[in-house]
Amino acid sequence: MLDAKRLGLAGGILWGIPLFILTIFCLYTGYGEPWLMPWESVYPGYGISWVGAFFGLLCGFVDGFVGFYLLAWIYNKLK
């Protein structure tokens, strides 16, 4: 059995923090901009800015948490 809450937390961390770091890195170097641009349509309010970086951290964490939580829940139901 997978612990859905723990897997959700891990997924949220693994998605929110890299999105935050890449957004900050893109602010200074421009690296990753083509990859980050589509996320502006996925997460309304997200943009390549300091505010957008924190918004991406929050939305990425929630998105990762929900996705991995559901993955663990479905896995446990199928077991």
PDB file of N, CA and C in Angstrom:
ATOM      1  N   MET A   1       0.847  -1.191   0.000  1.00  0.00           N
ATOM      2  CA  MET A   1       0.000   0.000   0.000  1.00  0.00           C
ATOM      3  C   MET A   1       0.886   1.246   0.000  1.00  0.00           C
ATOM      4  N   LEU A   2       0.502   2.174  -0.835  1.00  0.00           N
ATOM      5  CA  LEU A   2       1.198   3.457  -0.881  1.00  0.00           C
ATOM      6  C   LEU A   2       0.496   4.453   0.035  1.00  0.00           C
ATOM      7  N   ASP A   3       1.261   5.252   0.712  1.00  0.00           N
ATOM      8  CA  ASP A   3       0.698   6.326   1.526  1.00  0.00           C
ATOM      9  C   ASP A   3       0.428   7.504   0.597  1.00  0.00           C
ATOM     10  N   ALA A   4      -0.836   7.734   0.288  1.00  0.00           N
ATOM     11  CA  ALA A   4      -1.219   8.728  -0.703  1.00  0.00           C
ATOM     12  C   ALA A   4      -0.773  10.138  -0.309  1.00  0.00           C
ATOM     13  N   LYS A   5      -0.878  10.473   0.970  1.00  0.00           N
ATOM     14  CA  LYS A   5      -0.508  11.823   1.405  1.00  0.00           C
ATOM     15  C   LYS A   5       0.999  12.051   1.244  1.00  0.00           C
ATOM     16  N   ARG A   6       1.790  11.068   1.603  1.00  0.00           N
ATOM     17  CA  ARG A   6       3.249  11.225   1.474  1.00  0.00           C
ATOM     18  C   ARG A   6       3.687  11.268   0.018  1.00  0.00           C
ATOM     19  N   LEU A   7       3.089  10.417  -0.815  1.00  0.00           N
ATOM     20  CA  LEU A   7       3.430  10.451  -2.234  1.00  0.00           C
ATOM     21  C   LEU A   7       2.980  11.774  -2.847  1.00  0.00           C
ATOM     22  N   GLY A   8       1.829  12.283  -2.415  1.00  0.00           N
ATOM     23  CA  GLY A   8       1.363  13.580  -2.887  1.00  0.00           C
ATOM     24  C   GLY A   8       2.312  14.695  -2.504  1.00  0.00           C
ATOM     25  N   LEU A   9       2.802  14.682  -1.277  1.00  0.00           N
ATOM     26  CA  LEU A   9       3.769  15.696  -0.833  1.00  0.00           C
ATOM     27  C   LEU A   9       5.054  15.614  -1.644  1.00  0.00           C
ATOM     28  N   ALA A  10       5.535  14.397  -1.876  1.00  0.00           N
ATOM     29  CA  ALA A  10       6.752  14.224  -2.665  1.00  0.00           C
ATOM     30  C   ALA A  10       6.542  14.736  -4.087  1.00  0.00           C
ATOM     31  N   GLY A  11       5.402  14.418  -4.682  1.00  0.00           N
ATOM     32  CA  GLY A  11       5.111  14.888  -6.029  1.00  0.00           C
ATOM     33  C   GLY A  11       4.984  16.393  -6.101  1.00  0.00           C
ATOM     34  N   GLY A  12       4.362  16.987  -5.096  1.00  0.00           N
ATOM     35  CA  GLY A  12       4.244  18.439  -5.058  1.00  0.00           C
ATOM     36  C   GLY A  12       5.590  19.122  -4.960  1.00  0.00           C
ATOM     37  N   ILE A  13       6.458  18.572  -4.147  1.00  0.00           N
ATOM     38  CA  ILE A  13       7.805  19.121  -3.999  1.00  0.00           C
ATOM     39  C   ILE A  13       8.590  18.950  -5.294  1.00  0.00           C
ATOM     40  N   LEU A  14       8.469  17.762  -5.915  1.00  0.00           N
ATOM     41  CA  LEU A  14       9.213  17.483  -7.135  1.00  0.00           C
ATOM     42  C   LEU A  14       8.717  18.275  -8.341  1.00  0.00           C
ATOM     43  N   TRP A  15       7.549  18.861  -8.259  1.00  0.00           N
ATOM     44  CA  TRP A  15       7.067  19.685  -9.363  1.00  0.00           C
ATOM     45  C   TRP A  15       7.133  21.177  -9.028  1.00  0.00           C
ATOM     46  N   GLY A  16       6.792  21.576  -7.827  1.00  0.00           N
ATOM     47  CA  GLY A  16       6.759  22.990  -7.470  1.00  0.00           C
ATOM     48  C   GLY A  16       8.130  23.630  -7.388  1.00  0.00           C
ATOM     49  N   ILE A  17       9.071  22.995  -6.726  1.00  0.00           N
ATOM     50  CA  ILE A  17      10.394  23.591  -6.535  1.00  0.00           C
ATOM     51  C   ILE A  17      11.172  23.720  -7.848  1.00  0.00           C
ATOM     52  N   PRO A  18      11.213  22.690  -8.699  1.00  0.00           N
ATOM     53  CA  PRO A  18      11.914  22.896  -9.981  1.00  0.00           C
ATOM     54  C   PRO A  18      11.291  23.986 -10.851  1.00  0.00           C
ATOM     55  N   LEU A  19       9.969  24.107 -10.832  1.00  0.00           N
ATOM     56  CA  LEU A  19       9.325  25.172 -11.592  1.00  0.00           C
ATOM     57  C   LEU A  19       9.742  26.540 -11.054  1.00  0.00           C
ATOM     58  N   PHE A  20       9.815  26.655  -9.738  1.00  0.00           N
ATOM     59  CA  PHE A  20      10.266  27.891  -9.101  1.00  0.00           C
ATOM     60  C   PHE A  20      11.712  28.212  -9.488  1.00  0.00           C
ATOM     61  N   ILE A  21      12.590  27.228  -9.362  1.00  0.00           N
ATOM     62  CA  ILE A  21      14.012  27.441  -9.641  1.00  0.00           C
ATOM     63  C   ILE A  21      14.240  27.782 -11.112  1.00  0.00           C
ATOM     64  N   LEU A  22      13.578  27.061 -12.008  1.00  0.00           N
ATOM     65  CA  LEU A  22      13.765  27.335 -13.429  1.00  0.00           C
ATOM     66  C   LEU A  22      13.231  28.715 -13.805  1.00  0.00           C
ATOM     67  N   THR A  23      12.155  29.140 -13.179  1.00  0.00           N
ATOM     68  CA  THR A  23      11.621  30.480 -13.453  1.00  0.00           C
ATOM     69  C   THR A  23      12.617  31.552 -13.027  1.00  0.00           C
ATOM     70  N   ILE A  24      13.203  31.410 -11.852  1.00  0.00           N
ATOM     71  CA  ILE A  24      14.212  32.376 -11.378  1.00  0.00           C
ATOM     72  C   ILE A  24      15.432  32.342 -12.292  1.00  0.00           C
ATOM     73  N   PHE A  25      15.870  31.139 -12.666  1.00  0.00           N
ATOM     74  CA  PHE A  25      17.023  30.996 -13.545  1.00  0.00           C
ATOM     75  C   PHE A  25      16.744  31.666 -14.892  1.00  0.00           C
ATOM     76  N   CYS A  26      15.528  31.517 -15.395  1.00  0.00           N
ATOM     77  CA  CYS A  26      15.139  32.116 -16.667  1.00  0.00           C
ATOM     78  C   CYS A  26      15.124  33.642 -16.592  1.00  0.00           C
ATOM     79  N   LEU A  27      14.767  34.183 -15.442  1.00  0.00           N
ATOM     80  CA  LEU A  27      14.770  35.642 -15.275  1.00  0.00           C
ATOM     81  C   LEU A  27      16.150  36.235 -15.547  1.00  0.00           C
ATOM     82  N   TYR A  28      17.187  35.546 -15.115  1.00  0.00           N
ATOM     83  CA  TYR A  28      18.538  36.069 -15.223  1.00  0.00           C
ATOM     84  C   TYR A  28      19.268  35.645 -16.485  1.00  0.00           C
ATOM     85  N   THR A  29      18.943  34.471 -17.035  1.00  0.00           N
ATOM     86  CA  THR A  29      19.708  33.964 -18.173  1.00  0.00           C
ATOM     87  C   THR A  29      18.872  33.789 -19.437  1.00  0.00           C
ATOM     88  N   GLY A  30      17.578  33.673 -19.303  1.00  0.00           N
ATOM     89  CA  GLY A  30      16.727  33.389 -20.451  1.00  0.00           C
ATOM     90  C   GLY A  30      16.624  31.907 -20.754  1.00  0.00           C
ATOM     91  N   TYR A  31      17.404  31.093 -20.042  1.00  0.00           N
ATOM     92  CA  TYR A  31      17.400  29.650 -20.271  1.00  0.00           C
ATOM     93  C   TYR A  31      16.059  29.042 -19.850  1.00  0.00           C
ATOM     94  N   GLY A  32      15.503  28.210 -20.698  1.00  0.00           N
ATOM     95  CA  GLY A  32      14.263  27.509 -20.380  1.00  0.00           C
ATOM     96  C   GLY A  32      13.004  28.256 -20.741  1.00  0.00           C
ATOM     97  N   GLU A  33      13.137  29.428 -21.331  1.00  0.00           N
ATOM     98  CA  GLU A  33      11.945  30.224 -21.644  1.00  0.00           C
ATOM     99  C   GLU A  33      10.974  29.493 -22.567  1.00  0.00           C
ATOM    100  N   PRO A  34      11.449  28.832 -23.640  1.00  0.00           N
ATOM    101  CA  PRO A  34      10.486  28.109 -24.491  1.00  0.00           C
ATOM    102  C   PRO A  34       9.721  27.022 -23.737  1.00  0.00           C
ATOM    103  N   TRP A  35      10.347  26.413 -22.744  1.00  0.00           N
ATOM    104  CA  TRP A  35       9.674  25.382 -21.964  1.00  0.00           C
ATOM    105  C   TRP A  35       8.701  25.991 -20.953  1.00  0.00           C
ATOM    106  N   LEU A  36       9.011  27.163 -20.451  1.00  0.00           N
ATOM    107  CA  LEU A  36       8.163  27.802 -19.441  1.00  0.00           C
ATOM    108  C   LEU A  36       6.948  28.511 -20.032  1.00  0.00           C
ATOM    109  N   MET A  37       7.043  28.973 -21.262  1.00  0.00           N
ATOM    110  CA  MET A  37       5.958  29.747 -21.870  1.00  0.00           C
ATOM    111  C   MET A  37       4.617  29.001 -21.885  1.00  0.00           C
ATOM    112  N   PRO A  38       4.556  27.711 -22.231  1.00  0.00           N
ATOM    113  CA  PRO A  38       3.254  27.028 -22.223  1.00  0.00           C
ATOM    114  C   PRO A  38       2.600  26.961 -20.843  1.00  0.00           C
ATOM    115  N   TRP A  39       3.395  27.032 -19.790  1.00  0.00           N
ATOM    116  CA  TRP A  39       2.821  26.954 -18.440  1.00  0.00           C
ATOM    117  C   TRP A  39       1.998  28.189 -18.110  1.00  0.00           C
ATOM    118  N   GLU A  40       2.193  29.267 -18.867  1.00  0.00           N
ATOM    119  CA  GLU A  40       1.380  30.463 -18.659  1.00  0.00           C
ATOM    120  C   GLU A  40      -0.085  30.208 -19.009  1.00  0.00           C
ATOM    121  N   SER A  41      -0.333  29.278 -19.930  1.00  0.00           N
ATOM    122  CA  SER A  41      -1.721  28.938 -20.259  1.00  0.00           C
ATOM    123  C   SER A  41      -2.257  27.836 -19.360  1.00  0.00           C
ATOM    124  N   VAL A  42      -1.379  27.031 -18.786  1.00  0.00           N
ATOM    125  CA  VAL A  42      -1.811  25.961 -17.876  1.00  0.00           C
ATOM    126  C   VAL A  42      -2.149  26.531 -16.500  1.00  0.00           C
ATOM    127  N   TYR A  43      -1.311  27.428 -16.013  1.00  0.00           N
ATOM    128  CA  TYR A  43      -1.522  28.064 -14.710  1.00  0.00           C
ATOM    129  C   TYR A  43      -1.832  29.545 -14.927  1.00  0.00           C
ATOM    130  N   PRO A  44      -3.106  29.918 -15.048  1.00  0.00           N
ATOM    131  CA  PRO A  44      -3.436  31.331 -15.235  1.00  0.00           C
ATOM    132  C   PRO A  44      -2.865  32.170 -14.081  1.00  0.00           C
ATOM    133  N   GLY A  45      -2.172  33.226 -14.421  1.00  0.00           N
ATOM    134  CA  GLY A  45      -1.524  34.062 -13.420  1.00  0.00           C
ATOM    135  C   GLY A  45      -0.035  33.817 -13.336  1.00  0.00           C
ATOM    136  N   TYR A  46       0.422  32.676 -13.859  1.00  0.00           N
ATOM    137  CA  TYR A  46       1.853  32.380 -13.869  1.00  0.00           C
ATOM    138  C   TYR A  46       2.529  33.165 -14.980  1.00  0.00           C
ATOM    139  N   GLY A  47       3.711  33.634 -14.726  1.00  0.00           N
ATOM    140  CA  GLY A  47       4.516  34.322 -15.726  1.00  0.00           C
ATOM    141  C   GLY A  47       5.969  34.276 -15.310  1.00  0.00           C
ATOM    142  N   ILE A  48       6.838  34.631 -16.225  1.00  0.00           N
ATOM    143  CA  ILE A  48       8.266  34.615 -15.920  1.00  0.00           C
ATOM    144  C   ILE A  48       8.608  35.930 -15.222  1.00  0.00           C
ATOM    145  N   SER A  49       8.416  35.918 -13.911  1.00  0.00           N
ATOM    146  CA  SER A  49       8.687  37.072 -13.045  1.00  0.00           C
ATOM    147  C   SER A  49       8.859  36.537 -11.632  1.00  0.00           C
ATOM    148  N   TRP A  50       9.217  37.415 -10.725  1.00  0.00           N
ATOM    149  CA  TRP A  50       9.352  36.979  -9.331  1.00  0.00           C
ATOM    150  C   TRP A  50       8.006  36.550  -8.760  1.00  0.00           C
ATOM    151  N   VAL A  51       6.970  37.305  -9.042  1.00  0.00           N
ATOM    152  CA  VAL A  51       5.631  36.928  -8.568  1.00  0.00           C
ATOM    153  C   VAL A  51       5.214  35.629  -9.231  1.00  0.00           C
ATOM    154  N   GLY A  52       5.494  35.501 -10.525  1.00  0.00           N
ATOM    155  CA  GLY A  52       5.165  34.277 -11.246  1.00  0.00           C
ATOM    156  C   GLY A  52       5.910  33.069 -10.706  1.00  0.00           C
ATOM    157  N   ALA A  53       7.138  33.266 -10.263  1.00  0.00           N
ATOM    158  CA  ALA A  53       7.913  32.163  -9.696  1.00  0.00           C
ATOM    159  C   ALA A  53       7.236  31.618  -8.440  1.00  0.00           C
ATOM    160  N   PHE A  54       6.779  32.506  -7.576  1.00  0.00           N
ATOM    161  CA  PHE A  54       6.102  32.054  -6.363  1.00  0.00           C
ATOM    162  C   PHE A  54       4.731  31.476  -6.670  1.00  0.00           C
ATOM    163  N   PHE A  55       4.056  32.040  -7.663  1.00  0.00           N
ATOM    164  CA  PHE A  55       2.768  31.488  -8.078  1.00  0.00           C
ATOM    165  C   PHE A  55       2.971  30.102  -8.694  1.00  0.00           C
ATOM    166  N   GLY A  56       4.033  29.955  -9.487  1.00  0.00           N
ATOM    167  CA  GLY A  56       4.365  28.648 -10.058  1.00  0.00           C
ATOM    168  C   GLY A  56       4.713  27.631  -8.990  1.00  0.00           C
ATOM    169  N   LEU A  57       5.405  28.070  -7.956  1.00  0.00           N
ATOM    170  CA  LEU A  57       5.723  27.183  -6.832  1.00  0.00           C
ATOM    171  C   LEU A  57       4.443  26.672  -6.183  1.00  0.00           C
ATOM    172  N   LEU A  58       3.512  27.574  -5.935  1.00  0.00           N
ATOM    173  CA  LEU A  58       2.251  27.192  -5.306  1.00  0.00           C
ATOM    174  C   LEU A  58       1.415  26.293  -6.219  1.00  0.00           C
ATOM    175  N   CYS A  59       1.214  26.724  -7.445  1.00  0.00           N
ATOM    176  CA  CYS A  59       0.393  25.936  -8.379  1.00  0.00           C
ATOM    177  C   CYS A  59       1.051  24.610  -8.711  1.00  0.00           C
ATOM    178  N   GLY A  60       2.362  24.620  -8.894  1.00  0.00           N
ATOM    179  CA  GLY A  60       3.078  23.381  -9.171  1.00  0.00           C
ATOM    180  C   GLY A  60       2.986  22.402  -8.015  1.00  0.00           C
ATOM    181  N   PHE A  61       3.084  22.917  -6.798  1.00  0.00           N
ATOM    182  CA  PHE A  61       2.962  22.046  -5.636  1.00  0.00           C
ATOM    183  C   PHE A  61       1.565  21.436  -5.566  1.00  0.00           C
ATOM    184  N   VAL A  62       0.544  22.251  -5.739  1.00  0.00           N
ATOM    185  CA  VAL A  62      -0.832  21.748  -5.681  1.00  0.00           C
ATOM    186  C   VAL A  62      -1.075  20.745  -6.808  1.00  0.00           C
ATOM    187  N   ASP A  63      -0.631  21.080  -8.001  1.00  0.00           N
ATOM    188  CA  ASP A  63      -0.806  20.200  -9.155  1.00  0.00           C
ATOM    189  C   ASP A  63      -0.095  18.862  -8.929  1.00  0.00           C
ATOM    190  N   GLY A  64       1.147  18.918  -8.487  1.00  0.00           N
ATOM    191  CA  GLY A  64       1.902  17.692  -8.217  1.00  0.00           C
ATOM    192  C   GLY A  64       1.295  16.882  -7.091  1.00  0.00           C
ATOM    193  N   PHE A  65       0.844  17.568  -6.041  1.00  0.00           N
ATOM    194  CA  PHE A  65       0.235  16.866  -4.912  1.00  0.00           C
ATOM    195  C   PHE A  65      -1.014  16.112  -5.355  1.00  0.00           C
ATOM    196  N   VAL A  66      -1.904  16.798  -6.055  1.00  0.00           N
ATOM    197  CA  VAL A  66      -3.160  16.170  -6.486  1.00  0.00           C
ATOM    198  C   VAL A  66      -2.879  15.010  -7.433  1.00  0.00           C
ATOM    199  N   GLY A  67      -1.997  15.214  -8.389  1.00  0.00           N
ATOM    200  CA  GLY A  67      -1.691  14.164  -9.345  1.00  0.00           C
ATOM    201  C   GLY A  67      -1.115  12.916  -8.701  1.00  0.00           C
ATOM    202  N   PHE A  68      -0.136  13.087  -7.837  1.00  0.00           N
ATOM    203  CA  PHE A  68       0.490  11.931  -7.198  1.00  0.00           C
ATOM    204  C   PHE A  68      -0.406  11.313  -6.127  1.00  0.00           C
ATOM    205  N   TYR A  69      -1.213  12.134  -5.469  1.00  0.00           N
ATOM    206  CA  TYR A  69      -2.179  11.604  -4.508  1.00  0.00           C
ATOM    207  C   TYR A  69      -3.168  10.688  -5.217  1.00  0.00           C
ATOM    208  N   LEU A  70      -3.681  11.148  -6.356  1.00  0.00           N
ATOM    209  CA  LEU A  70      -4.621  10.329  -7.122  1.00  0.00           C
ATOM    210  C   LEU A  70      -3.957   9.069  -7.660  1.00  0.00           C
ATOM    211  N   LEU A  71      -2.706   9.178  -8.063  1.00  0.00           N
ATOM    212  CA  LEU A  71      -1.973   8.007  -8.526  1.00  0.00           C
ATOM    213  C   LEU A  71      -1.897   6.952  -7.425  1.00  0.00           C
ATOM    214  N   ALA A  72      -1.543   7.362  -6.211  1.00  0.00           N
ATOM    215  CA  ALA A  72      -1.450   6.418  -5.095  1.00  0.00           C
ATOM    216  C   ALA A  72      -2.822   5.867  -4.729  1.00  0.00           C
ATOM    217  N   TRP A  73      -3.836   6.700  -4.763  1.00  0.00           N
ATOM    218  CA  TRP A  73      -5.191   6.257  -4.422  1.00  0.00           C
ATOM    219  C   TRP A  73      -5.671   5.204  -5.415  1.00  0.00           C
ATOM    220  N   ILE A  74      -5.468   5.457  -6.704  1.00  0.00           N
ATOM    221  CA  ILE A  74      -5.886   4.491  -7.728  1.00  0.00           C
ATOM    222  C   ILE A  74      -5.078   3.206  -7.596  1.00  0.00           C
ATOM    223  N   TYR A  75      -3.781   3.330  -7.373  1.00  0.00           N
ATOM    224  CA  TYR A  75      -2.932   2.157  -7.195  1.00  0.00           C
ATOM    225  C   TYR A  75      -3.428   1.304  -6.036  1.00  0.00           C
ATOM    226  N   ASN A  76      -3.742   1.950  -4.927  1.00  0.00           N
ATOM    227  CA  ASN A  76      -4.208   1.204  -3.756  1.00  0.00           C
ATOM    228  C   ASN A  76      -5.566   0.549  -4.005  1.00  0.00           C
ATOM    229  N   LYS A  77      -6.428   1.168  -4.793  1.00  0.00           N
ATOM    230  CA  LYS A  77      -7.735   0.592  -5.106  1.00  0.00           C
ATOM    231  C   LYS A  77      -7.593  -0.612  -6.037  1.00  0.00           C
ATOM    232  N   LEU A  78      -6.614  -0.596  -6.908  1.00  0.00           N
ATOM    233  CA  LEU A  78      -6.419  -1.695  -7.851  1.00  0.00           C
ATOM    234  C   LEU A  78      -5.686  -2.877  -7.238  1.00  0.00           C
ATOM    235  N   LYS A  79      -5.084  -2.674  -6.117  1.00  0.00           N
ATOM    236  CA  LYS A  79      -4.297  -3.729  -5.471  1.00  0.00           C
ATOM    237  C   LYS A  79      -5.165  -4.775  -4.853  1.00  0.00           C
TER     238      LYS A  79
END
